Amino acid sequence: MIPVKVSDKALEEIKKTIAHKNIPDEYGLRIGVNGGGCAGVSYVLGFDKKGTGDAEFTLDNVPVYIAKKDTMFLIGMEVDFYEGNDARGFTFIKSDEKQQSVQ
């Protein structure tokens, strides 16, 4: 079971990106984190090949790769897609925290 939830809106945008940006077949969606020290973590979302230390999941025929070391930081998170007058993009949401945008 995938440790991070991906909203329907985010999955729709991910599929559009795959279709319109010609993402190669050997690439999947990379969900991860950077950092982890005193400053906390920043969340990462992109396309990448599967690495040796990755767990692999599938969401509606989209391969998802998560480095095993990142799993503990992603449990309980949700990837969503925000579209408003002020901004547009993917966000990471935790139920008990404020929304954090992908940097």
C-alpha atoms as a PDB file:
ATOM      1  CA  MET A   1       0.000   0.000   0.000  1.00  0.00           C
ATOM      2  CA  ILE A   2       1.345   3.409  -0.973  1.00  0.00           C
ATOM      3  CA  PRO A   3       2.289   5.533   2.079  1.00  0.00           C
ATOM      4  CA  VAL A   4       1.127   8.823   0.534  1.00  0.00           C
ATOM      5  CA  LYS A   5      -2.312   9.609  -0.870  1.00  0.00           C
ATOM      6  CA  VAL A   6      -2.660  11.257  -4.284  1.00  0.00           C
ATOM      7  CA  SER A   7      -5.902  13.161  -4.843  1.00  0.00           C
ATOM      8  CA  ASP A   8      -7.968  12.584  -7.972  1.00  0.00           C
ATOM      9  CA  LYS A   9      -7.197  16.132  -9.157  1.00  0.00           C
ATOM     10  CA  ALA A  10      -3.437  15.606  -8.684  1.00  0.00           C
ATOM     11  CA  LEU A  11      -3.557  12.252 -10.489  1.00  0.00           C
ATOM     12  CA  GLU A  12      -5.422  13.881 -13.386  1.00  0.00           C
ATOM     13  CA  GLU A  13      -2.728  16.588 -13.652  1.00  0.00           C
ATOM     14  CA  ILE A  14       0.058  13.993 -13.435  1.00  0.00           C
ATOM     15  CA  LYS A  15      -1.508  12.047 -16.320  1.00  0.00           C
ATOM     16  CA  LYS A  16      -1.838  15.251 -18.373  1.00  0.00           C
ATOM     17  CA  THR A  17       1.845  16.000 -17.758  1.00  0.00           C
ATOM     18  CA  ILE A  18       2.859  12.491 -18.825  1.00  0.00           C
ATOM     19  CA  ALA A  19       0.796  12.786 -22.018  1.00  0.00           C
ATOM     20  CA  HIS A  20       1.797  16.333 -22.990  1.00  0.00           C
ATOM     21  CA  LYS A  21       5.456  16.401 -21.926  1.00  0.00           C
ATOM     22  CA  ASN A  22       6.423  13.090 -23.550  1.00  0.00           C
ATOM     23  CA  ILE A  23       7.699  11.489 -20.348  1.00  0.00           C
ATOM     24  CA  PRO A  24       9.613   8.312 -21.396  1.00  0.00           C
ATOM     25  CA  ASP A  25       7.978   4.963 -20.625  1.00  0.00           C
ATOM     26  CA  GLU A  26      10.806   3.904 -18.304  1.00  0.00           C
ATOM     27  CA  TYR A  27      10.109   6.898 -16.021  1.00  0.00           C
ATOM     28  CA  GLY A  28       7.608   6.991 -13.190  1.00  0.00           C
ATOM     29  CA  LEU A  29       6.373   9.525 -10.687  1.00  0.00           C
ATOM     30  CA  ARG A  30       8.976  10.211  -7.999  1.00  0.00           C
ATOM     31  CA  ILE A  31       7.588  11.265  -4.609  1.00  0.00           C
ATOM     32  CA  GLY A  32      10.149  12.057  -1.950  1.00  0.00           C
ATOM     33  CA  VAL A  33      11.754  14.470   0.458  1.00  0.00           C
ATOM     34  CA  ASN A  34      14.899  16.581   0.688  1.00  0.00           C
ATOM     35  CA  GLY A  35      16.533  17.470   3.959  1.00  0.00           C
ATOM     36  CA  GLY A  36      15.364  16.051   7.244  1.00  0.00           C
ATOM     37  CA  GLY A  37      17.661  17.904   9.625  1.00  0.00           C
ATOM     38  CA  CYS A  38      16.838  20.791  11.940  1.00  0.00           C
ATOM     39  CA  ALA A  39      15.172  22.752   9.137  1.00  0.00           C
ATOM     40  CA  GLY A  40      12.760  19.908   8.429  1.00  0.00           C
ATOM     41  CA  VAL A  41      12.010  18.441   5.039  1.00  0.00           C
ATOM     42  CA  SER A  42      10.858  19.779   1.704  1.00  0.00           C
ATOM     43  CA  TYR A  43       8.758  17.556  -0.497  1.00  0.00           C
ATOM     44  CA  VAL A  44       9.744  16.482  -4.000  1.00  0.00           C
ATOM     45  CA  LEU A  45       7.534  15.525  -6.929  1.00  0.00           C
ATOM     46  CA  GLY A  46       8.861  14.758 -10.393  1.00  0.00           C
ATOM     47  CA  PHE A  47       9.590  12.058 -12.942  1.00  0.00           C
ATOM     48  CA  ASP A  48      12.523   9.685 -12.615  1.00  0.00           C
ATOM     49  CA  LYS A  49      13.734   6.166 -13.299  1.00  0.00           C
ATOM     50  CA  LYS A  50      13.389   3.573 -10.564  1.00  0.00           C
ATOM     51  CA  GLY A  51      16.409   3.454  -8.257  1.00  0.00           C
ATOM     52  CA  THR A  52      17.841   0.481  -6.385  1.00  0.00           C
ATOM     53  CA  GLY A  53      16.537   1.693  -3.009  1.00  0.00           C
ATOM     54  CA  ASP A  54      13.020   2.466  -4.218  1.00  0.00           C
ATOM     55  CA  ALA A  55       9.690   0.976  -3.327  1.00  0.00           C
ATOM     56  CA  GLU A  56       7.435   0.774  -6.379  1.00  0.00           C
ATOM     57  CA  PHE A  57       3.680   1.336  -6.411  1.00  0.00           C
ATOM     58  CA  THR A  58       1.095   1.838  -9.137  1.00  0.00           C
ATOM     59  CA  LEU A  59      -1.681   4.429  -9.139  1.00  0.00           C
ATOM     60  CA  ASP A  60      -4.149   4.016 -11.994  1.00  0.00           C
ATOM     61  CA  ASN A  61      -1.417   2.672 -14.337  1.00  0.00           C
ATOM     62  CA  VAL A  62       1.094   5.344 -13.261  1.00  0.00           C
ATOM     63  CA  PRO A  63       4.268   3.858 -11.718  1.00  0.00           C
ATOM     64  CA  VAL A  64       5.236   5.609  -8.479  1.00  0.00           C
ATOM     65  CA  TYR A  65       8.729   5.418  -6.971  1.00  0.00           C
ATOM     66  CA  ILE A  66       9.513   6.293  -3.372  1.00  0.00           C
ATOM     67  CA  ALA A  67      12.940   5.870  -1.812  1.00  0.00           C
ATOM     68  CA  LYS A  68      12.506   3.579   1.177  1.00  0.00           C
ATOM     69  CA  LYS A  69      14.338   6.125   3.359  1.00  0.00           C
ATOM     70  CA  ASP A  70      11.646   8.736   2.542  1.00  0.00           C
ATOM     71  CA  THR A  71       8.671   6.569   3.464  1.00  0.00           C
ATOM     72  CA  MET A  72       8.471   7.628   7.115  1.00  0.00           C
ATOM     73  CA  PHE A  73       8.242  11.312   6.096  1.00  0.00           C
ATOM     74  CA  LEU A  74       5.422  10.642   3.622  1.00  0.00           C
ATOM     75  CA  ILE A  75       3.065   8.565   5.788  1.00  0.00           C
ATOM     76  CA  GLY A  76      -0.149  10.517   6.278  1.00  0.00           C
ATOM     77  CA  MET A  77       0.627  13.028   3.512  1.00  0.00           C
ATOM     78  CA  GLU A  78      -1.536  13.784   0.508  1.00  0.00           C
ATOM     79  CA  VAL A  79      -0.417  15.155  -2.845  1.00  0.00           C
ATOM     80  CA  ASP A  80      -3.058  17.508  -4.181  1.00  0.00           C
ATOM     81  CA  PHE A  81      -3.283  19.989  -7.037  1.00  0.00           C
ATOM     82  CA  TYR A  82      -4.232  23.587  -6.266  1.00  0.00           C
ATOM     83  CA  GLU A  83      -5.573  25.883  -8.921  1.00  0.00           C
ATOM     84  CA  GLY A  84      -6.509  29.413  -7.949  1.00  0.00           C
ATOM     85  CA  ASN A  85      -6.077  33.029  -8.982  1.00  0.00           C
ATOM     86  CA  ASP A  86      -2.945  33.356  -6.854  1.00  0.00           C
ATOM     87  CA  ALA A  87      -1.141  30.123  -7.742  1.00  0.00           C
ATOM     88  CA  ARG A  88      -1.323  26.809  -9.543  1.00  0.00           C
ATOM     89  CA  GLY A  89       0.607  23.664  -8.675  1.00  0.00           C
ATOM     90  CA  PHE A  90       1.041  20.526  -6.648  1.00  0.00           C
ATOM     91  CA  THR A  91       0.887  20.697  -2.876  1.00  0.00           C
ATOM     92  CA  PHE A  92       1.610  18.310  -0.028  1.00  0.00           C
ATOM     93  CA  ILE A  93      -0.977  18.341   2.749  1.00  0.00           C
ATOM     94  CA  LYS A  94      -0.900  16.722   6.178  1.00  0.00           C
ATOM     95  CA  SER A  95      -4.189  16.622   8.015  1.00  0.00           C
ATOM     96  CA  ASP A  96      -2.811  18.339  11.136  1.00  0.00           C
ATOM     97  CA  GLU A  97      -0.516  20.869   9.428  1.00  0.00           C
ATOM     98  CA  LYS A  98      -0.772  23.772   7.027  1.00  0.00           C
ATOM     99  CA  GLN A  99      -0.478  23.194   3.311  1.00  0.00           C
ATOM    100  CA  GLN A 100       3.074  23.034   1.914  1.00  0.00           C
ATOM    101  CA  SER A 101       3.813  23.702  -1.749  1.00  0.00           C
ATOM    102  CA  VAL A 102       6.372  21.809  -3.778  1.00  0.00           C
ATOM    103  CA  GLN A 103       9.499  23.946  -4.085  1.00  0.00           C
END
